[in-house]
């Protein structure tokens, strides 16, 4: 992270190993999210003590988030993938 009196910028590297997201007791086809690494960026501009603007970009490198269903006998009964960056712009005003 770097900052000044008027702005702040951050660069985050996120790593998650494979993890259980949902346990399915009806047929034991549990849902797992595969391991992934993603990068998030943020920038804030402090116009005054009462106003600021912030820009966040999540998953800046456009990594794929993959979910698979597994049982004791089979892997990848289901595979769902999410793609894309997410951008959030926010304006904060103190009245």
C-alpha atoms as a PDB file:
ATOM      1  CA  UNK A   1       0.000   0.000   0.000  1.00  0.00           C
ATOM      2  CA  UNK A   2       1.189   3.510  -0.759  1.00  0.00           C
ATOM      3  CA  UNK A   3      -0.443   6.743   0.300  1.00  0.00           C
ATOM      4  CA  UNK A   4      -0.227  10.486   0.553  1.00  0.00           C
ATOM      5  CA  UNK A   5      -2.477  13.013   2.263  1.00  0.00           C
ATOM      6  CA  UNK A   6      -4.801  13.115  -0.770  1.00  0.00           C
ATOM      7  CA  UNK A   7      -4.737   9.517  -2.080  1.00  0.00           C
ATOM      8  CA  UNK A   8      -4.140   5.887  -1.189  1.00  0.00           C
ATOM      9  CA  UNK A   9      -3.509   2.839  -3.400  1.00  0.00           C
ATOM     10  CA  UNK A  10      -3.337  -0.850  -2.525  1.00  0.00           C
ATOM     11  CA  UNK A  11      -2.382  -4.074  -4.290  1.00  0.00           C
ATOM     12  CA  UNK A  12      -3.544  -7.379  -2.722  1.00  0.00           C
ATOM     13  CA  UNK A  13      -2.617 -10.926  -3.676  1.00  0.00           C
ATOM     14  CA  UNK A  14      -5.148 -13.496  -2.441  1.00  0.00           C
ATOM     15  CA  UNK A  15      -4.501 -17.243  -2.329  1.00  0.00           C
ATOM     16  CA  UNK A  16      -7.022 -19.877  -1.305  1.00  0.00           C
ATOM     17  CA  UNK A  17      -6.317 -23.593  -1.280  1.00  0.00           C
ATOM     18  CA  UNK A  18      -9.142 -25.953  -2.235  1.00  0.00           C
ATOM     19  CA  UNK A  19     -11.948 -25.822   0.320  1.00  0.00           C
ATOM     20  CA  UNK A  20     -15.339 -27.365   1.017  1.00  0.00           C
ATOM     21  CA  UNK A  21     -18.036 -24.818   0.188  1.00  0.00           C
ATOM     22  CA  UNK A  22     -21.198 -26.840   0.683  1.00  0.00           C
ATOM     23  CA  UNK A  23     -21.883 -30.207   2.314  1.00  0.00           C
ATOM     24  CA  UNK A  24     -24.658 -32.209   0.657  1.00  0.00           C
ATOM     25  CA  UNK A  25     -25.955 -34.912   3.010  1.00  0.00           C
ATOM     26  CA  UNK A  26     -28.671 -36.141   0.611  1.00  0.00           C
ATOM     27  CA  UNK A  27     -26.281 -37.798  -1.860  1.00  0.00           C
ATOM     28  CA  UNK A  28     -22.810 -36.959  -0.479  1.00  0.00           C
ATOM     29  CA  UNK A  29     -21.954 -34.853  -3.529  1.00  0.00           C
ATOM     30  CA  UNK A  30     -20.108 -32.114  -1.653  1.00  0.00           C
ATOM     31  CA  UNK A  31     -19.208 -28.890  -3.494  1.00  0.00           C
ATOM     32  CA  UNK A  32     -15.577 -27.775  -3.448  1.00  0.00           C
ATOM     33  CA  UNK A  33     -13.937 -24.603  -4.740  1.00  0.00           C
ATOM     34  CA  UNK A  34     -10.585 -25.354  -6.375  1.00  0.00           C
ATOM     35  CA  UNK A  35      -7.428 -23.516  -5.316  1.00  0.00           C
ATOM     36  CA  UNK A  36      -6.942 -20.087  -6.865  1.00  0.00           C
ATOM     37  CA  UNK A  37      -4.849 -16.935  -6.690  1.00  0.00           C
ATOM     38  CA  UNK A  38      -6.296 -13.530  -7.523  1.00  0.00           C
ATOM     39  CA  UNK A  39      -5.170  -9.917  -7.429  1.00  0.00           C
ATOM     40  CA  UNK A  40      -7.263  -7.014  -6.145  1.00  0.00           C
ATOM     41  CA  UNK A  41      -6.490  -3.320  -6.712  1.00  0.00           C
ATOM     42  CA  UNK A  42      -7.893  -0.277  -4.953  1.00  0.00           C
ATOM     43  CA  UNK A  43      -7.441   3.463  -5.207  1.00  0.00           C
ATOM     44  CA  UNK A  44      -8.903   6.147  -2.946  1.00  0.00           C
ATOM     45  CA  UNK A  45      -8.845   9.902  -3.511  1.00  0.00           C
ATOM     46  CA  UNK A  46      -9.600  12.121  -0.530  1.00  0.00           C
ATOM     47  CA  UNK A  47     -10.934  15.335  -2.029  1.00  0.00           C
ATOM     48  CA  UNK A  48     -11.609  16.893   1.378  1.00  0.00           C
ATOM     49  CA  UNK A  49     -12.426  15.856   4.936  1.00  0.00           C
ATOM     50  CA  UNK A  50     -16.055  15.483   3.817  1.00  0.00           C
ATOM     51  CA  UNK A  51     -15.717  13.867   0.381  1.00  0.00           C
ATOM     52  CA  UNK A  52     -13.785  10.925  -1.030  1.00  0.00           C
ATOM     53  CA  UNK A  53     -13.886   8.712  -4.109  1.00  0.00           C
ATOM     54  CA  UNK A  54     -12.855   5.053  -4.145  1.00  0.00           C
ATOM     55  CA  UNK A  55     -12.271   2.591  -7.006  1.00  0.00           C
ATOM     56  CA  UNK A  56     -11.853  -1.146  -6.362  1.00  0.00           C
ATOM     57  CA  UNK A  57     -11.080  -3.818  -8.933  1.00  0.00           C
ATOM     58  CA  UNK A  58     -11.522  -7.369  -7.694  1.00  0.00           C
ATOM     59  CA  UNK A  59      -9.972 -10.283  -9.608  1.00  0.00           C
ATOM     60  CA  UNK A  60      -7.946  -7.890 -11.768  1.00  0.00           C
ATOM     61  CA  UNK A  61      -6.166 -10.772 -13.555  1.00  0.00           C
ATOM     62  CA  UNK A  62      -9.508 -12.399 -14.474  1.00  0.00           C
ATOM     63  CA  UNK A  63      -8.870 -15.727 -12.717  1.00  0.00           C
ATOM     64  CA  UNK A  64     -11.522 -18.435 -13.071  1.00  0.00           C
ATOM     65  CA  UNK A  65     -13.282 -19.594  -9.911  1.00  0.00           C
ATOM     66  CA  UNK A  66     -14.218 -23.272 -10.339  1.00  0.00           C
ATOM     67  CA  UNK A  67     -16.641 -25.305  -8.240  1.00  0.00           C
ATOM     68  CA  UNK A  68     -16.822 -29.092  -8.518  1.00  0.00           C
ATOM     69  CA  UNK A  69     -19.020 -31.709  -6.873  1.00  0.00           C
ATOM     70  CA  UNK A  70     -17.315 -34.817  -5.533  1.00  0.00           C
ATOM     71  CA  UNK A  71     -18.455 -38.035  -3.867  1.00  0.00           C
ATOM     72  CA  UNK A  72     -16.511 -40.986  -2.509  1.00  0.00           C
ATOM     73  CA  UNK A  73     -16.871 -42.659  -5.920  1.00  0.00           C
ATOM     74  CA  UNK A  74     -16.694 -39.883  -8.492  1.00  0.00           C
ATOM     75  CA  UNK A  75     -15.134 -36.467  -9.058  1.00  0.00           C
ATOM     76  CA  UNK A  76     -16.550 -33.557 -11.030  1.00  0.00           C
ATOM     77  CA  UNK A  77     -20.151 -34.655 -11.173  1.00  0.00           C
ATOM     78  CA  UNK A  78     -20.818 -30.936 -11.603  1.00  0.00           C
ATOM     79  CA  UNK A  79     -18.481 -28.183 -12.692  1.00  0.00           C
ATOM     80  CA  UNK A  80     -19.434 -24.511 -12.525  1.00  0.00           C
ATOM     81  CA  UNK A  81     -17.073 -21.673 -13.414  1.00  0.00           C
ATOM     82  CA  UNK A  82     -17.262 -17.938 -12.777  1.00  0.00           C
ATOM     83  CA  UNK A  83     -15.309 -15.483 -14.897  1.00  0.00           C
ATOM     84  CA  UNK A  84     -14.698 -11.785 -14.862  1.00  0.00           C
ATOM     85  CA  UNK A  85     -13.455  -8.795 -13.031  1.00  0.00           C
ATOM     86  CA  UNK A  86     -15.649  -6.795 -10.701  1.00  0.00           C
ATOM     87  CA  UNK A  87     -15.312  -3.043 -10.478  1.00  0.00           C
ATOM     88  CA  UNK A  88     -16.829  -0.982  -7.675  1.00  0.00           C
ATOM     89  CA  UNK A  89     -16.871   2.821  -7.630  1.00  0.00           C
ATOM     90  CA  UNK A  90     -18.029   4.576  -4.485  1.00  0.00           C
ATOM     91  CA  UNK A  91     -18.427   8.163  -3.430  1.00  0.00           C
ATOM     92  CA  UNK A  92     -18.477   9.090   0.245  1.00  0.00           C
ATOM     93  CA  UNK A  93     -19.974  12.399   1.385  1.00  0.00           C
ATOM     94  CA  UNK A  94     -20.223  13.562   4.972  1.00  0.00           C
ATOM     95  CA  UNK A  95     -23.059  15.996   5.572  1.00  0.00           C
END
